N, C-alpha and C. Protein backbone atom coordinates (compact mmCIF):
# COMPACT_ATOMS: atom_id res chain seq x y z
N LEU A 1 44.80 -16.57 -84.81
CA LEU A 1 43.87 -17.49 -85.53
C LEU A 1 44.14 -18.89 -85.24
N GLY A 2 45.25 -19.09 -84.81
CA GLY A 2 45.84 -20.56 -84.82
C GLY A 2 45.62 -21.15 -83.36
N GLY A 3 45.04 -20.25 -82.69
CA GLY A 3 44.91 -20.72 -81.14
C GLY A 3 46.14 -20.50 -80.28
N VAL A 4 47.16 -20.01 -80.86
CA VAL A 4 48.40 -19.71 -79.97
C VAL A 4 47.96 -18.68 -78.67
N ASN A 5 48.48 -19.12 -77.47
CA ASN A 5 48.27 -18.21 -76.49
C ASN A 5 49.47 -17.72 -75.82
N GLU A 6 50.63 -18.43 -76.24
CA GLU A 6 51.90 -17.84 -75.67
C GLU A 6 52.98 -18.33 -76.76
N LEU A 7 53.94 -17.23 -76.85
CA LEU A 7 55.02 -17.74 -77.82
C LEU A 7 56.54 -17.23 -77.35
N TYR A 8 57.61 -17.90 -77.93
CA TYR A 8 59.06 -17.42 -77.44
C TYR A 8 59.55 -17.52 -78.91
N THR A 9 60.42 -16.31 -78.94
CA THR A 9 61.22 -16.16 -80.09
C THR A 9 62.59 -15.68 -79.72
N ASP A 10 63.57 -15.70 -80.40
CA ASP A 10 64.94 -15.29 -80.11
C ASP A 10 64.89 -13.74 -80.46
N LEU A 11 64.34 -13.59 -81.90
CA LEU A 11 64.04 -12.21 -82.36
C LEU A 11 62.81 -11.86 -82.64
N ILE A 12 62.34 -10.58 -82.39
CA ILE A 12 61.01 -10.23 -82.83
C ILE A 12 61.15 -8.62 -83.22
N SER A 13 60.11 -8.35 -84.10
CA SER A 13 60.30 -6.90 -84.44
C SER A 13 59.15 -6.30 -83.61
N ASN A 14 59.25 -5.02 -83.72
CA ASN A 14 58.39 -4.01 -82.88
C ASN A 14 56.67 -4.22 -83.57
N PRO A 15 56.76 -4.35 -84.91
CA PRO A 15 55.42 -4.58 -85.45
C PRO A 15 54.80 -5.86 -85.11
N ALA A 16 55.69 -6.90 -85.21
CA ALA A 16 55.11 -8.34 -84.81
C ALA A 16 54.81 -8.09 -83.17
N LEU A 17 55.49 -7.75 -82.24
CA LEU A 17 55.08 -7.63 -80.98
C LEU A 17 54.10 -6.91 -80.69
N GLN A 18 53.71 -5.83 -81.56
CA GLN A 18 52.44 -4.95 -81.40
C GLN A 18 51.10 -5.82 -81.67
N ILE A 19 51.34 -6.65 -82.86
CA ILE A 19 50.19 -7.50 -82.96
C ILE A 19 49.91 -8.49 -81.94
N LEU A 20 50.90 -9.09 -81.59
CA LEU A 20 50.81 -10.21 -80.42
C LEU A 20 50.31 -9.48 -79.13
N GLU A 21 50.50 -8.35 -78.91
CA GLU A 21 50.16 -7.70 -77.62
C GLU A 21 48.61 -7.32 -77.83
N GLN A 22 48.31 -6.98 -79.01
CA GLN A 22 46.73 -6.57 -79.33
C GLN A 22 45.94 -7.70 -79.14
N GLN A 23 46.73 -8.89 -79.55
CA GLN A 23 45.78 -10.27 -79.21
C GLN A 23 45.80 -10.90 -78.08
N HIS A 24 46.43 -10.20 -77.11
CA HIS A 24 46.82 -10.63 -75.62
C HIS A 24 47.46 -12.09 -75.55
N ILE A 25 48.65 -12.08 -76.65
CA ILE A 25 49.25 -13.37 -76.38
C ILE A 25 50.63 -12.91 -75.78
N LYS A 26 50.90 -13.96 -74.62
CA LYS A 26 52.05 -13.63 -73.79
C LYS A 26 53.35 -14.08 -74.62
N THR A 27 54.25 -12.99 -75.03
CA THR A 27 55.32 -13.30 -75.59
C THR A 27 56.62 -12.90 -74.93
N SER A 28 57.63 -13.85 -75.29
CA SER A 28 59.02 -13.65 -74.46
C SER A 28 60.02 -13.91 -75.70
N TYR A 29 61.07 -12.97 -75.64
CA TYR A 29 61.94 -12.89 -76.69
C TYR A 29 63.32 -12.58 -76.21
N GLN A 30 64.35 -12.84 -76.73
CA GLN A 30 65.85 -12.23 -76.35
C GLN A 30 66.21 -10.94 -77.03
N LYS A 31 65.69 -10.68 -78.25
CA LYS A 31 66.05 -9.29 -78.78
C LYS A 31 64.98 -8.77 -79.60
N LYS A 32 64.57 -7.64 -79.35
CA LYS A 32 63.56 -6.64 -80.17
C LYS A 32 64.33 -5.77 -81.13
N VAL A 33 63.94 -5.66 -82.16
CA VAL A 33 64.38 -4.66 -83.32
C VAL A 33 63.22 -4.11 -83.94
N GLU A 34 63.65 -2.98 -84.75
CA GLU A 34 62.59 -1.98 -85.35
C GLU A 34 61.76 -3.04 -86.24
N VAL A 35 62.67 -3.75 -87.26
CA VAL A 35 61.97 -4.54 -88.30
C VAL A 35 63.06 -5.85 -88.55
N ILE A 36 62.41 -6.73 -88.72
CA ILE A 36 63.20 -7.94 -89.42
C ILE A 36 64.03 -7.64 -90.57
N LEU A 37 65.31 -7.88 -91.00
CA LEU A 37 65.92 -7.50 -92.20
C LEU A 37 66.04 -8.96 -93.09
N ASN A 38 66.29 -8.88 -94.35
CA ASN A 38 66.38 -10.03 -95.29
C ASN A 38 67.53 -10.53 -94.84
N ARG A 39 67.98 -11.72 -95.72
CA ARG A 39 69.08 -12.37 -95.34
C ARG A 39 70.39 -11.70 -95.67
N THR A 40 70.48 -10.60 -96.66
CA THR A 40 71.62 -10.00 -96.94
C THR A 40 71.63 -8.83 -96.21
N GLN A 41 70.81 -8.51 -95.00
CA GLN A 41 70.71 -7.40 -94.35
C GLN A 41 70.65 -5.92 -95.01
N ASN A 42 70.20 -5.89 -96.09
CA ASN A 42 70.01 -4.80 -97.04
C ASN A 42 68.62 -4.06 -97.19
N ASP A 43 67.69 -4.90 -96.76
CA ASP A 43 66.27 -4.61 -96.99
C ASP A 43 65.37 -5.26 -95.80
N TRP A 44 64.22 -4.83 -95.87
CA TRP A 44 63.29 -5.67 -94.88
C TRP A 44 63.10 -7.26 -95.35
N CYS A 45 62.90 -7.84 -94.39
CA CYS A 45 62.21 -9.20 -94.75
C CYS A 45 61.00 -9.13 -95.64
N PRO A 46 60.99 -10.03 -96.61
CA PRO A 46 59.82 -9.88 -97.41
C PRO A 46 58.35 -10.02 -96.69
N LEU A 47 58.44 -10.80 -95.89
CA LEU A 47 57.10 -11.08 -95.01
C LEU A 47 57.02 -9.97 -94.15
N GLU A 48 57.94 -9.39 -93.35
CA GLU A 48 57.91 -8.23 -92.57
C GLU A 48 57.28 -7.09 -93.47
N ARG A 49 57.75 -6.94 -94.56
CA ARG A 49 57.07 -5.80 -95.63
C ARG A 49 55.85 -6.12 -95.88
N LEU A 50 55.63 -7.38 -96.24
CA LEU A 50 54.12 -7.74 -96.65
C LEU A 50 53.06 -7.57 -95.62
N CYS A 51 53.40 -7.84 -94.20
CA CYS A 51 52.52 -7.65 -93.19
C CYS A 51 52.29 -6.32 -92.64
N PHE A 52 53.45 -5.31 -92.90
CA PHE A 52 53.47 -4.20 -92.20
C PHE A 52 52.43 -3.30 -92.00
N ASN A 53 51.76 -2.95 -93.14
CA ASN A 53 50.51 -2.13 -93.18
C ASN A 53 49.29 -2.63 -93.07
N GLU A 54 49.17 -4.00 -92.82
CA GLU A 54 48.20 -4.83 -92.90
C GLU A 54 47.59 -4.89 -91.21
N ASN A 55 46.45 -4.53 -91.03
CA ASN A 55 46.01 -4.69 -89.52
C ASN A 55 45.23 -5.81 -89.46
N SER A 56 44.49 -6.30 -90.42
CA SER A 56 43.53 -7.67 -90.30
C SER A 56 44.45 -9.00 -90.22
N LEU A 57 44.31 -9.65 -89.32
CA LEU A 57 44.97 -11.17 -89.08
C LEU A 57 44.60 -11.80 -90.23
N GLU A 58 43.27 -11.89 -90.53
CA GLU A 58 42.91 -12.74 -91.81
C GLU A 58 43.82 -12.43 -93.15
N ALA A 59 43.79 -11.21 -93.26
CA ALA A 59 44.55 -10.65 -94.55
C ALA A 59 46.04 -11.06 -94.33
N ASN A 60 46.63 -10.90 -93.27
CA ASN A 60 48.03 -11.39 -93.05
C ASN A 60 48.31 -12.67 -93.46
N LEU A 61 47.42 -13.46 -92.88
CA LEU A 61 47.23 -14.89 -92.98
C LEU A 61 47.31 -15.35 -94.58
N LYS A 62 46.21 -14.89 -95.23
CA LYS A 62 46.20 -14.98 -96.62
C LYS A 62 47.37 -14.64 -97.31
N ASN A 63 47.94 -13.44 -97.03
CA ASN A 63 49.27 -12.98 -97.62
C ASN A 63 50.55 -13.89 -97.66
N ILE A 64 50.59 -14.26 -96.25
CA ILE A 64 51.61 -15.29 -95.97
C ILE A 64 51.45 -16.59 -96.57
N GLY A 65 50.25 -17.20 -96.60
CA GLY A 65 50.06 -18.29 -97.58
C GLY A 65 50.07 -18.08 -98.95
N ASP A 66 49.79 -16.90 -99.33
CA ASP A 66 50.29 -16.55 -100.82
C ASP A 66 51.63 -16.63 -101.01
N PHE A 67 52.30 -15.88 -100.11
CA PHE A 67 53.94 -15.98 -100.48
C PHE A 67 54.35 -17.14 -100.43
N ILE A 68 53.83 -18.04 -99.44
CA ILE A 68 54.55 -19.37 -99.33
C ILE A 68 54.33 -20.37 -100.58
N ASN A 69 53.30 -20.00 -100.86
CA ASN A 69 52.77 -20.83 -102.28
C ASN A 69 53.31 -20.40 -103.39
């Protein structure tokens, strides 16, 4: 939605990589994990959980914006 066509990250989750691949965004990374964990490493990252079951990019963008605000 933001016009990104290539991405590099040190860490990526399987669900995030799947979304990027579906959008044909070239992605490079150092490490891939099942899900991103929160800071205390005892649960999922709140944004990972928020976006996990959402297939719409527009809905994910809105959810992330709502979370940040």
